[in-house]
PDB file of N, CA and C in Angstrom:
ATOM      1  N   MET A   1     123.396 114.560 108.649  1.00  0.00           N
ATOM      2  CA  MET A   1     121.858 115.060 108.172  1.00  0.00           C
ATOM      3  C   MET A   1     121.338 115.953 109.342  1.00  0.00           C
ATOM      4  N   GLN A   2     120.977 117.060 108.895  1.00  0.00           N
ATOM      5  CA  GLN A   2     120.627 118.392 109.380  1.00  0.00           C
ATOM      6  C   GLN A   2     118.727 118.361 109.731  1.00  0.00           C
ATOM      7  N   VAL A   3     118.806 118.322 111.181  1.00  0.00           N
ATOM      8  CA  VAL A   3     117.222 118.150 111.279  1.00  0.00           C
ATOM      9  C   VAL A   3     116.697 119.888 111.577  1.00  0.00           C
ATOM     10  N   LEU A   4     115.429 120.043 110.658  1.00  0.00           N
ATOM     11  CA  LEU A   4     115.022 120.949 110.833  1.00  0.00           C
ATOM     12  C   LEU A   4     113.933 121.589 112.207  1.00  0.00           C
ATOM     13  N   ASP A   5     113.868 122.440 112.540  1.00  0.00           N
ATOM     14  CA  ASP A   5     113.286 123.218 113.632  1.00  0.00           C
ATOM     15  C   ASP A   5     111.420 123.090 113.196  1.00  0.00           C
ATOM     16  N   VAL A   6     110.772 122.251 113.653  1.00  0.00           N
ATOM     17  CA  VAL A   6     109.476 122.174 113.154  1.00  0.00           C
ATOM     18  C   VAL A   6     108.735 123.175 113.847  1.00  0.00           C
ATOM     19  N   PRO A   7     108.306 124.479 113.814  1.00  0.00           N
ATOM     20  CA  PRO A   7     107.285 125.384 114.262  1.00  0.00           C
ATOM     21  C   PRO A   7     105.920 124.798 114.647  1.00  0.00           C
ATOM     22  N   LYS A   8     105.594 125.544 115.883  1.00  0.00           N
ATOM     23  CA  LYS A   8     104.907 125.271 116.559  1.00  0.00           C
ATOM     24  C   LYS A   8     103.558 125.237 115.396  1.00  0.00           C
ATOM     25  N   VAL A   9     102.886 124.482 114.864  1.00  0.00           N
ATOM     26  CA  VAL A   9     101.457 124.883 114.261  1.00  0.00           C
ATOM     27  C   VAL A   9     100.674 124.018 114.759  1.00  0.00           C
ATOM     28  N   ASP A  10      99.271 124.378 114.212  1.00  0.00           N
ATOM     29  CA  ASP A  10      98.116 123.502 114.425  1.00  0.00           C
ATOM     30  C   ASP A  10      98.127 122.400 113.125  1.00  0.00           C
ATOM     31  N   ARG A  11      98.284 121.162 113.609  1.00  0.00           N
ATOM     32  CA  ARG A  11      98.394 119.837 112.646  1.00  0.00           C
ATOM     33  C   ARG A  11      96.965 119.706 112.175  1.00  0.00           C
ATOM     34  N   ARG A  12      95.632 120.000 112.471  1.00  0.00           N
ATOM     35  CA  ARG A  12      94.691 120.191 111.740  1.00  0.00           C
ATOM     36  C   ARG A  12      94.630 121.177 110.602  1.00  0.00           C
ATOM     37  N   ALA A  13      95.209 122.151 111.011  1.00  0.00           N
ATOM     38  CA  ALA A  13      95.301 123.598 109.884  1.00  0.00           C
ATOM     39  C   ALA A  13      96.110 123.134 108.772  1.00  0.00           C
ATOM     40  N   ARG A  14      97.418 122.351 109.327  1.00  0.00           N
ATOM     41  CA  ARG A  14      98.381 121.857 108.193  1.00  0.00           C
ATOM     42  C   ARG A  14      97.415 120.956 107.211  1.00  0.00           C
ATOM     43  N   LEU A  15      97.108 119.951 108.152  1.00  0.00           N
ATOM     44  CA  LEU A  15      96.342 118.600 107.427  1.00  0.00           C
ATOM     45  C   LEU A  15      95.500 118.997 106.343  1.00  0.00           C
ATOM     46  N   ALA A  16      94.694 120.058 106.837  1.00  0.00           N
ATOM     47  CA  ALA A  16      93.396 120.501 105.977  1.00  0.00           C
ATOM     48  C   ALA A  16      94.166 121.359 104.625  1.00  0.00           C
ATOM     49  N   GLN A  17      95.454 122.102 104.944  1.00  0.00           N
ATOM     50  CA  GLN A  17      95.969 122.785 103.684  1.00  0.00           C
ATOM     51  C   GLN A  17      96.800 121.657 103.021  1.00  0.00           C
ATOM     52  N   LEU A  18      96.729 120.629 103.442  1.00  0.00           N
ATOM     53  CA  LEU A  18      97.514 119.407 102.596  1.00  0.00           C
ATOM     54  C   LEU A  18      96.370 118.604 101.755  1.00  0.00           C
ATOM     55  N   ILE A  19      95.212 118.834 101.921  1.00  0.00           N
ATOM     56  CA  ILE A  19      93.956 118.394 101.389  1.00  0.00           C
ATOM     57  C   ILE A  19      93.590 119.059 100.405  1.00  0.00           C
ATOM     58  N   ARG A  20      93.651 120.664 100.748  1.00  0.00           N
ATOM     59  CA  ARG A  20      93.386 121.583 100.004  1.00  0.00           C
ATOM     60  C   ARG A  20      94.365 121.176  98.535  1.00  0.00           C
ATOM     61  N   LEU A  21      95.468 121.449  98.639  1.00  0.00           N
ATOM     62  CA  LEU A  21      96.369 121.275  97.767  1.00  0.00           C
ATOM     63  C   LEU A  21      96.417 119.994  97.054  1.00  0.00           C
ATOM     64  N   TYR A  22      95.977 119.245  97.012  1.00  0.00           N
ATOM     65  CA  TYR A  22      95.722 118.122  96.779  1.00  0.00           C
ATOM     66  C   TYR A  22      94.302 117.868  96.127  1.00  0.00           C
ATOM     67  N   GLU A  23      93.409 118.433  96.292  1.00  0.00           N
ATOM     68  CA  GLU A  23      91.858 118.473  96.080  1.00  0.00           C
ATOM     69  C   GLU A  23      92.330 119.484  94.429  1.00  0.00           C
ATOM     70  N   GLN A  24      93.083 120.372  94.712  1.00  0.00           N
ATOM     71  CA  GLN A  24      93.157 121.412  93.377  1.00  0.00           C
ATOM     72  C   GLN A  24      94.183 120.642  92.581  1.00  0.00           C
ATOM     73  N   GLY A  25      95.023 120.070  92.969  1.00  0.00           N
ATOM     74  CA  GLY A  25      95.866 119.606  92.026  1.00  0.00           C
ATOM     75  C   GLY A  25      97.027 120.077  91.891  1.00  0.00           C
ATOM     76  N   GLN A  26      97.257 120.725  93.369  1.00  0.00           N
ATOM     77  CA  GLN A  26      98.732 121.605  93.642  1.00  0.00           C
ATOM     78  C   GLN A  26      99.932 120.655  94.228  1.00  0.00           C
ATOM     79  N   VAL A  27      99.801 119.534  94.154  1.00  0.00           N
ATOM     80  CA  VAL A  27     100.788 118.471  94.360  1.00  0.00           C
ATOM     81  C   VAL A  27     101.929 118.364  93.764  1.00  0.00           C
ATOM     82  N   SER A  28     103.312 118.282  93.951  1.00  0.00           N
ATOM     83  CA  SER A  28     104.430 118.085  93.306  1.00  0.00           C
ATOM     84  C   SER A  28     104.572 116.878  93.654  1.00  0.00           C
ATOM     85  N   ASP A  29     105.243 116.201  92.838  1.00  0.00           N
ATOM     86  CA  ASP A  29     106.149 114.297  93.139  1.00  0.00           C
ATOM     87  C   ASP A  29     106.863 114.467  94.124  1.00  0.00           C
ATOM     88  N   LEU A  30     107.545 115.607  95.006  1.00  0.00           N
ATOM     89  CA  LEU A  30     108.458 115.861  96.342  1.00  0.00           C
ATOM     90  C   LEU A  30     107.032 115.082  96.956  1.00  0.00           C
ATOM     91  N   MET A  31     106.457 116.060  97.214  1.00  0.00           N
ATOM     92  CA  MET A  31     105.159 116.010  98.324  1.00  0.00           C
ATOM     93  C   MET A  31     104.628 114.550  98.412  1.00  0.00           C
ATOM     94  N   ASP A  32     104.398 113.895  97.127  1.00  0.00           N
ATOM     95  CA  ASP A  32     103.998 112.707  97.074  1.00  0.00           C
ATOM     96  C   ASP A  32     104.699 111.625  97.507  1.00  0.00           C
ATOM     97  N   ARG A  33     106.107 111.748  96.856  1.00  0.00           N
ATOM     98  CA  ARG A  33     107.074 110.515  97.630  1.00  0.00           C
ATOM     99  C   ARG A  33     107.191 111.189  99.240  1.00  0.00           C
ATOM    100  N   THR A  34     107.547 112.089  99.433  1.00  0.00           N
ATOM    101  CA  THR A  34     107.645 112.276 101.211  1.00  0.00           C
ATOM    102  C   THR A  34     106.624 111.959 101.786  1.00  0.00           C
ATOM    103  N   LEU A  35     105.343 111.783 101.511  1.00  0.00           N
ATOM    104  CA  LEU A  35     104.249 111.273 101.921  1.00  0.00           C
ATOM    105  C   LEU A  35     104.473 109.744 102.069  1.00  0.00           C
ATOM    106  N   TYR A  36     104.664 109.105 100.999  1.00  0.00           N
ATOM    107  CA  TYR A  36     104.939 107.556 100.742  1.00  0.00           C
ATOM    108  C   TYR A  36     105.962 107.432 101.970  1.00  0.00           C
ATOM    109  N   LYS A  37     107.173 107.831 101.953  1.00  0.00           N
ATOM    110  CA  LYS A  37     107.949 107.729 102.686  1.00  0.00           C
ATOM    111  C   LYS A  37     107.491 107.576 104.180  1.00  0.00           C
ATOM    112  N   LEU A  38     106.941 108.806 104.517  1.00  0.00           N
ATOM    113  CA  LEU A  38     106.303 109.107 105.586  1.00  0.00           C
ATOM    114  C   LEU A  38     105.432 108.027 106.621  1.00  0.00           C
ATOM    115  N   PHE A  39     105.016 107.590 105.777  1.00  0.00           N
ATOM    116  CA  PHE A  39     103.784 106.201 106.210  1.00  0.00           C
ATOM    117  C   PHE A  39     104.679 105.401 106.055  1.00  0.00           C
ATOM    118  N   SER A  40     105.610 104.938 105.060  1.00  0.00           N
ATOM    119  CA  SER A  40     106.400 103.783 105.033  1.00  0.00           C
ATOM    120  C   SER A  40     107.111 103.400 106.321  1.00  0.00           C
ATOM    121  N   VAL A  41     107.910 104.450 106.663  1.00  0.00           N
ATOM    122  CA  VAL A  41     108.805 104.587 107.967  1.00  0.00           C
ATOM    123  C   VAL A  41     107.850 104.150 108.936  1.00  0.00           C
ATOM    124  N   GLU A  42     106.965 105.260 109.491  1.00  0.00           N
ATOM    125  CA  GLU A  42     106.022 104.949 110.587  1.00  0.00           C
ATOM    126  C   GLU A  42     105.466 103.623 110.381  1.00  0.00           C
ATOM    127  N   ALA A  43     105.169 102.857 109.514  1.00  0.00           N
ATOM    128  CA  ALA A  43     104.477 101.668 109.474  1.00  0.00           C
ATOM    129  C   ALA A  43     105.306 100.616 109.992  1.00  0.00           C
ATOM    130  N   ALA A  44     106.595 100.964 109.106  1.00  0.00           N
ATOM    131  CA  ALA A  44     107.896 100.075 109.891  1.00  0.00           C
ATOM    132  C   ALA A  44     107.900  99.892 111.318  1.00  0.00           C
ATOM    133  N   GLU A  45     107.926 101.251 111.569  1.00  0.00           N
ATOM    134  CA  GLU A  45     108.305 101.433 113.265  1.00  0.00           C
ATOM    135  C   GLU A  45     107.306 100.680 114.202  1.00  0.00           C
ATOM    136  N   GLU A  46     106.213 100.711 113.742  1.00  0.00           N
ATOM    137  CA  GLU A  46     104.822 100.121 114.316  1.00  0.00           C
ATOM    138  C   GLU A  46     104.545  98.712 113.883  1.00  0.00           C
ATOM    139  N   HIS A  47     105.030  98.399 113.047  1.00  0.00           N
ATOM    140  CA  HIS A  47     105.360  96.731 112.819  1.00  0.00           C
ATOM    141  C   HIS A  47     106.767  96.144 114.166  1.00  0.00           C
ATOM    142  N   LYS A  48     107.608  96.994 114.272  1.00  0.00           N
ATOM    143  CA  LYS A  48     108.700  96.667 115.457  1.00  0.00           C
ATOM    144  C   LYS A  48     107.823  96.689 116.723  1.00  0.00           C
ATOM    145  N   ALA A  49     106.910  97.746 116.551  1.00  0.00           N
ATOM    146  CA  ALA A  49     106.483  97.612 118.026  1.00  0.00           C
ATOM    147  C   ALA A  49     105.595  96.679 118.557  1.00  0.00           C
ATOM    148  N   ILE A  50     104.594  95.993 117.411  1.00  0.00           N
ATOM    149  CA  ILE A  50     103.657  94.908 117.084  1.00  0.00           C
ATOM    150  C   ILE A  50     104.619  94.081 117.724  1.00  0.00           C
ATOM    151  N   ASN A  51     105.780  93.892 116.963  1.00  0.00           N
ATOM    152  CA  ASN A  51     106.553  92.452 117.067  1.00  0.00           C
ATOM    153  C   ASN A  51     107.137  92.182 118.498  1.00  0.00           C
ATOM    154  N   LEU A  52     107.472  93.169 119.258  1.00  0.00           N
ATOM    155  CA  LEU A  52     108.105  93.145 120.468  1.00  0.00           C
ATOM    156  C   LEU A  52     106.823  92.775 120.975  1.00  0.00           C
ATOM    157  N   LEU A  53     105.604  93.753 121.304  1.00  0.00           N
ATOM    158  CA  LEU A  53     104.465  93.438 122.160  1.00  0.00           C
ATOM    159  C   LEU A  53     103.777  91.931 121.683  1.00  0.00           C
ATOM    160  N   ARG A  54     104.137  91.669 120.741  1.00  0.00           N
ATOM    161  CA  ARG A  54     103.522  89.997 120.408  1.00  0.00           C
ATOM    162  C   ARG A  54     104.259  89.098 121.375  1.00  0.00           C
ATOM    163  N   SER A  55     105.607  89.468 121.081  1.00  0.00           N
ATOM    164  CA  SER A  55     106.728  88.801 121.840  1.00  0.00           C
ATOM    165  C   SER A  55     106.011  88.747 123.419  1.00  0.00           C
ATOM    166  N   ASP A  56     106.347  89.450 124.201  1.00  0.00           N
ATOM    167  CA  ASP A  56     105.678  89.922 125.369  1.00  0.00           C
ATOM    168  C   ASP A  56     104.292  88.972 125.821  1.00  0.00           C
ATOM    169  N   LEU A  57     103.394  89.226 124.636  1.00  0.00           N
ATOM    170  CA  LEU A  57     101.808  88.219 125.038  1.00  0.00           C
ATOM    171  C   LEU A  57     101.864  87.134 124.855  1.00  0.00           C
ATOM    172  N   ASP A  58     103.118  86.788 123.656  1.00  0.00           N
ATOM    173  CA  ASP A  58     103.159  85.089 123.565  1.00  0.00           C
ATOM    174  C   ASP A  58     103.736  84.332 124.971  1.00  0.00           C
ATOM    175  N   ALA A  59     104.709  85.443 125.460  1.00  0.00           N
ATOM    176  CA  ALA A  59     105.096  84.936 127.206  1.00  0.00           C
ATOM    177  C   ALA A  59     103.856  84.832 127.957  1.00  0.00           C
ATOM    178  N   LEU A  60     103.559  85.711 128.333  1.00  0.00           N
ATOM    179  CA  LEU A  60     102.019  85.922 129.040  1.00  0.00           C
ATOM    180  C   LEU A  60     101.301  84.652 129.031  1.00  0.00           C
ATOM    181  N   GLU A  61     100.650  84.939 127.568  1.00  0.00           N
ATOM    182  CA  GLU A  61     100.003  83.585 127.055  1.00  0.00           C
ATOM    183  C   GLU A  61     100.601  82.128 127.278  1.00  0.00           C
ATOM    184  N   ALA A  62     101.626  81.770 127.309  1.00  0.00           N
ATOM    185  CA  ALA A  62     102.443  80.304 128.182  1.00  0.00           C
ATOM    186  C   ALA A  62     102.518  80.675 128.950  1.00  0.00           C
ATOM    187  N   ARG A  63     102.551  81.302 129.941  1.00  0.00           N
ATOM    188  CA  ARG A  63     102.665  81.447 131.532  1.00  0.00           C
ATOM    189  C   ARG A  63     101.141  80.949 132.178  1.00  0.00           C
ATOM    190  N   PHE A  64     100.283  81.752 131.604  1.00  0.00           N
ATOM    191  CA  PHE A  64      98.955  81.724 132.222  1.00  0.00           C
ATOM    192  C   PHE A  64      98.214  80.759 131.306  1.00  0.00           C
ATOM    193  N   GLY A  65      98.516  80.287 130.487  1.00  0.00           N
ATOM    194  CA  GLY A  65      97.698  79.269 129.732  1.00  0.00           C
ATOM    195  C   GLY A  65      96.251  79.886 129.081  1.00  0.00           C
ATOM    196  N   MET A  66      96.364  81.210 128.713  1.00  0.00           N
ATOM    197  CA  MET A  66      95.082  81.652 128.059  1.00  0.00           C
ATOM    198  C   MET A  66      95.523  82.565 126.920  1.00  0.00           C
ATOM    199  N   GLU A  67      94.647  82.885 126.115  1.00  0.00           N
ATOM    200  CA  GLU A  67      95.073  83.806 124.954  1.00  0.00           C
ATOM    201  C   GLU A  67      94.451  85.352 125.271  1.00  0.00           C
ATOM    202  N   SER A  68      95.240  86.223 124.799  1.00  0.00           N
ATOM    203  CA  SER A  68      94.845  87.704 125.233  1.00  0.00           C
ATOM    204  C   SER A  68      93.890  87.754 125.520  1.00  0.00           C
ATOM    205  N   PRO A  69      93.086  87.768 124.057  1.00  0.00           N
ATOM    206  CA  PRO A  69      91.694  88.219 123.687  1.00  0.00           C
ATOM    207  C   PRO A  69      90.867  87.440 125.015  1.00  0.00           C
ATOM    208  N   ASP A  70      90.854  86.286 125.339  1.00  0.00           N
ATOM    209  CA  ASP A  70      89.817  86.204 126.403  1.00  0.00           C
ATOM    210  C   ASP A  70      90.312  86.023 127.607  1.00  0.00           C
ATOM    211  N   PHE A  71      91.603  86.540 128.009  1.00  0.00           N
ATOM    212  CA  PHE A  71      92.108  87.302 129.411  1.00  0.00           C
ATOM    213  C   PHE A  71      91.619  88.233 129.155  1.00  0.00           C
ATOM    214  N   PHE A  72      91.542  89.201 128.281  1.00  0.00           N
ATOM    215  CA  PHE A  72      91.266  91.071 128.206  1.00  0.00           C
ATOM    216  C   PHE A  72      89.801  90.644 128.589  1.00  0.00           C
ATOM    217  N   GLN A  73      89.038  90.142 127.793  1.00  0.00           N
ATOM    218  CA  GLN A  73      87.924  89.864 128.467  1.00  0.00           C
ATOM    219  C   GLN A  73      87.049  89.574 129.818  1.00  0.00           C
ATOM    220  N   ARG A  74      88.100  88.834 130.101  1.00  0.00           N
ATOM    221  CA  ARG A  74      87.482  88.409 132.002  1.00  0.00           C
ATOM    222  C   ARG A  74      88.311  89.188 132.414  1.00  0.00           C
ATOM    223  N   PHE A  75      89.032  89.917 132.374  1.00  0.00           N
ATOM    224  CA  PHE A  75      89.923  91.356 132.927  1.00  0.00           C
ATOM    225  C   PHE A  75      88.879  92.345 133.020  1.00  0.00           C
ATOM    226  N   GLU A  76      88.409  92.659 131.896  1.00  0.00           N
ATOM    227  CA  GLU A  76      87.301  93.612 131.923  1.00  0.00           C
ATOM    228  C   GLU A  76      86.533  93.467 132.822  1.00  0.00           C
ATOM    229  N   ASN A  77      85.857  91.840 132.821  1.00  0.00           N
ATOM    230  CA  ASN A  77      84.854  92.035 133.403  1.00  0.00           C
ATOM    231  C   ASN A  77      84.764  91.186 135.135  1.00  0.00           C
ATOM    232  N   GLY A  78      86.364  91.789 135.301  1.00  0.00           N
ATOM    233  CA  GLY A  78      86.519  91.970 136.687  1.00  0.00           C
ATOM    234  C   GLY A  78      86.690  90.579 137.000  1.00  0.00           C
ATOM    235  N   GLU A  79      86.927  89.680 136.272  1.00  0.00           N
ATOM    236  CA  GLU A  79      87.061  88.063 136.992  1.00  0.00           C
ATOM    237  C   GLU A  79      88.588  87.673 136.858  1.00  0.00           C
ATOM    238  N   MET A  80      89.370  88.469 136.830  1.00  0.00           N
ATOM    239  CA  MET A  80      91.071  88.181 136.908  1.00  0.00           C
ATOM    240  C   MET A  80      91.452  89.251 137.935  1.00  0.00           C
ATOM    241  N   GLY A  81      91.199  89.638 138.703  1.00  0.00           N
ATOM    242  CA  GLY A  81      91.814  90.320 139.908  1.00  0.00           C
ATOM    243  C   GLY A  81      92.612  91.415 139.316  1.00  0.00           C
ATOM    244  N   ASP A  82      93.404  91.937 140.708  1.00  0.00           N
ATOM    245  CA  ASP A  82      94.220  93.129 140.306  1.00  0.00           C
ATOM    246  C   ASP A  82      95.910  92.922 140.448  1.00  0.00           C
ATOM    247  N   ASP A  83      96.066  91.765 140.490  1.00  0.00           N
ATOM    248  CA  ASP A  83      97.627  91.281 140.255  1.00  0.00           C
ATOM    249  C   ASP A  83      98.294  92.040 139.492  1.00  0.00           C
ATOM    250  N   MET A  84      99.705  92.243 139.504  1.00  0.00           N
ATOM    251  CA  MET A  84     100.106  93.194 138.653  1.00  0.00           C
ATOM    252  C   MET A  84     100.709  92.504 137.718  1.00  0.00           C
ATOM    253  N   ASP A  85     100.807  91.195 137.475  1.00  0.00           N
ATOM    254  CA  ASP A  85     101.173  90.699 136.012  1.00  0.00           C
ATOM    255  C   ASP A  85      99.787  91.148 135.587  1.00  0.00           C
ATOM    256  N   HIS A  86      98.740  90.828 135.824  1.00  0.00           N
ATOM    257  CA  HIS A  86      97.816  90.950 135.143  1.00  0.00           C
ATOM    258  C   HIS A  86      97.347  92.420 134.584  1.00  0.00           C
ATOM    259  N   ILE A  87      97.587  93.296 135.174  1.00  0.00           N
ATOM    260  CA  ILE A  87      97.873  94.580 135.134  1.00  0.00           C
ATOM    261  C   ILE A  87      98.410  94.926 133.870  1.00  0.00           C
ATOM    262  N   GLU A  88      99.533  94.446 133.977  1.00  0.00           N
ATOM    263  CA  GLU A  88     100.598  95.120 132.666  1.00  0.00           C
ATOM    264  C   GLU A  88     100.041  94.064 131.689  1.00  0.00           C
ATOM    265  N   TRP A  89      99.632  92.859 131.779  1.00  0.00           N
ATOM    266  CA  TRP A  89      99.193  92.296 130.603  1.00  0.00           C
ATOM    267  C   TRP A  89      97.882  92.931 129.871  1.00  0.00           C
ATOM    268  N   ALA A  90      97.218  93.580 130.574  1.00  0.00           N
ATOM    269  CA  ALA A  90      95.924  93.682 129.859  1.00  0.00           C
ATOM    270  C   ALA A  90      96.374  95.607 129.075  1.00  0.00           C
ATOM    271  N   SER A  91      97.699  96.162 129.529  1.00  0.00           N
ATOM    272  CA  SER A  91      98.184  97.148 129.427  1.00  0.00           C
ATOM    273  C   SER A  91      98.343  97.109 127.958  1.00  0.00           C
ATOM    274  N   LEU A  92      99.413  95.810 128.025  1.00  0.00           N
ATOM    275  CA  LEU A  92     100.500  95.039 126.746  1.00  0.00           C
ATOM    276  C   LEU A  92      99.277  95.270 125.304  1.00  0.00           C
ATOM    277  N   TYR A  93      98.297  94.260 126.335  1.00  0.00           N
ATOM    278  CA  TYR A  93      97.039  93.868 124.902  1.00  0.00           C
ATOM    279  C   TYR A  93      96.513  95.421 124.564  1.00  0.00           C
ATOM    280  N   GLN A  94      96.469  95.724 125.111  1.00  0.00           N
ATOM    281  CA  GLN A  94      95.821  97.319 124.671  1.00  0.00           C
ATOM    282  C   GLN A  94      96.225  98.412 123.641  1.00  0.00           C
ATOM    283  N   MET A  95      97.698  98.425 124.381  1.00  0.00           N
ATOM    284  CA  MET A  95      99.021  98.906 123.309  1.00  0.00           C
ATOM    285  C   MET A  95      98.975  97.941 121.787  1.00  0.00           C
ATOM    286  N   TYR A  96      98.959  96.924 122.171  1.00  0.00           N
ATOM    287  CA  TYR A  96      98.893  95.971 120.518  1.00  0.00           C
ATOM    288  C   TYR A  96      97.827  96.060 120.069  1.00  0.00           C
ATOM    289  N   ILE A  97      96.456  95.917 120.620  1.00  0.00           N
ATOM    290  CA  ILE A  97      95.594  96.292 119.447  1.00  0.00           C
ATOM    291  C   ILE A  97      95.931  97.963 118.988  1.00  0.00           C
ATOM    292  N   ARG A  98      96.112  98.736 119.912  1.00  0.00           N
ATOM    293  CA  ARG A  98      96.021 100.001 119.207  1.00  0.00           C
ATOM    294  C   ARG A  98      96.852 100.126 118.167  1.00  0.00           C
ATOM    295  N   SER A  99      98.502  99.553 118.226  1.00  0.00           N
ATOM    296  CA  SER A  99      99.267  99.477 117.204  1.00  0.00           C
ATOM    297  C   SER A  99      98.750  98.992 116.189  1.00  0.00           C
ATOM    298  N   CYS A 100      97.796  97.566 116.186  1.00  0.00           N
ATOM    299  CA  CYS A 100      97.754  96.937 115.096  1.00  0.00           C
ATOM    300  C   CYS A 100      96.687  97.765 113.914  1.00  0.00           C
ATOM    301  N   LYS A 101      95.728  98.454 114.812  1.00  0.00           N
ATOM    302  CA  LYS A 101      94.941  99.539 114.409  1.00  0.00           C
ATOM    303  C   LYS A 101      95.871 100.625 113.625  1.00  0.00           C
ATOM    304  N   ARG A 102      96.632 101.135 114.176  1.00  0.00           N
ATOM    305  CA  ARG A 102      97.192 102.387 113.681  1.00  0.00           C
ATOM    306  C   ARG A 102      97.901 101.604 112.289  1.00  0.00           C
ATOM    307  N   LEU A 103      98.870 100.644 112.601  1.00  0.00           N
ATOM    308  CA  LEU A 103      99.450  99.962 111.166  1.00  0.00           C
ATOM    309  C   LEU A 103      98.372  99.765 110.081  1.00  0.00           C
ATOM    310  N   GLU A 104      96.994  99.376 110.448  1.00  0.00           N
ATOM    311  CA  GLU A 104      96.377  99.000 109.158  1.00  0.00           C
ATOM    312  C   GLU A 104      95.808 100.655 108.644  1.00  0.00           C
ATOM    313  N   LEU A 105      95.900 101.557 109.625  1.00  0.00           N
ATOM    314  CA  LEU A 105      95.499 103.139 109.042  1.00  0.00           C
ATOM    315  C   LEU A 105      96.826 103.463 108.154  1.00  0.00           C
ATOM    316  N   LEU A 106      98.015 103.024 108.644  1.00  0.00           N
ATOM    317  CA  LEU A 106      99.078 103.682 107.689  1.00  0.00           C
ATOM    318  C   LEU A 106      99.532 102.741 106.232  1.00  0.00           C
ATOM    319  N   THR A 107      98.721 101.110 106.342  1.00  0.00           N
ATOM    320  CA  THR A 107      98.938 100.855 105.463  1.00  0.00           C
ATOM    321  C   THR A 107      97.670 100.483 104.114  1.00  0.00           C
ATOM    322  N   VAL A 108      96.632 100.773 104.526  1.00  0.00           N
ATOM    323  CA  VAL A 108      95.356 100.885 103.774  1.00  0.00           C
ATOM    324  C   VAL A 108      95.587 102.036 102.368  1.00  0.00           C
ATOM    325  N   GLU A 109      95.073 101.081 101.266  1.00  0.00           N
ATOM    326  CA  GLU A 109      95.652 101.955 100.271  1.00  0.00           C
ATOM    327  C   GLU A 109      93.974 101.943  99.797  1.00  0.00           C
ATOM    328  N   GLU A 110      93.662 103.506  99.499  1.00  0.00           N
ATOM    329  CA  GLU A 110      92.459 103.797  98.879  1.00  0.00           C
ATOM    330  C   GLU A 110      92.319 104.231  97.437  1.00  0.00           C
TER     331      GLU A 110
END
């Protein structure tokens, strides 16, 4: 498979161009299929990341006997200290939340 060099372009300008094409009905079936595939691949990759993060969070929750949302709230309030395991847990939880939000954006049907 040949990988194309992607020129340095402003993403916002490129997205605005794509929106204009859609608004004017100038989109081909190829563009529709490509966008569908792009979102599907990105969603699948995000789902894998979520599963890995969830596995790590499950292990930490079992180890410390606390659910991640409860832990994170207490961590944010300064109740958990600066133990390296707690810092890692907080980071993993934030990554998990971001990944879940990204997956939702990738899979929402409007």
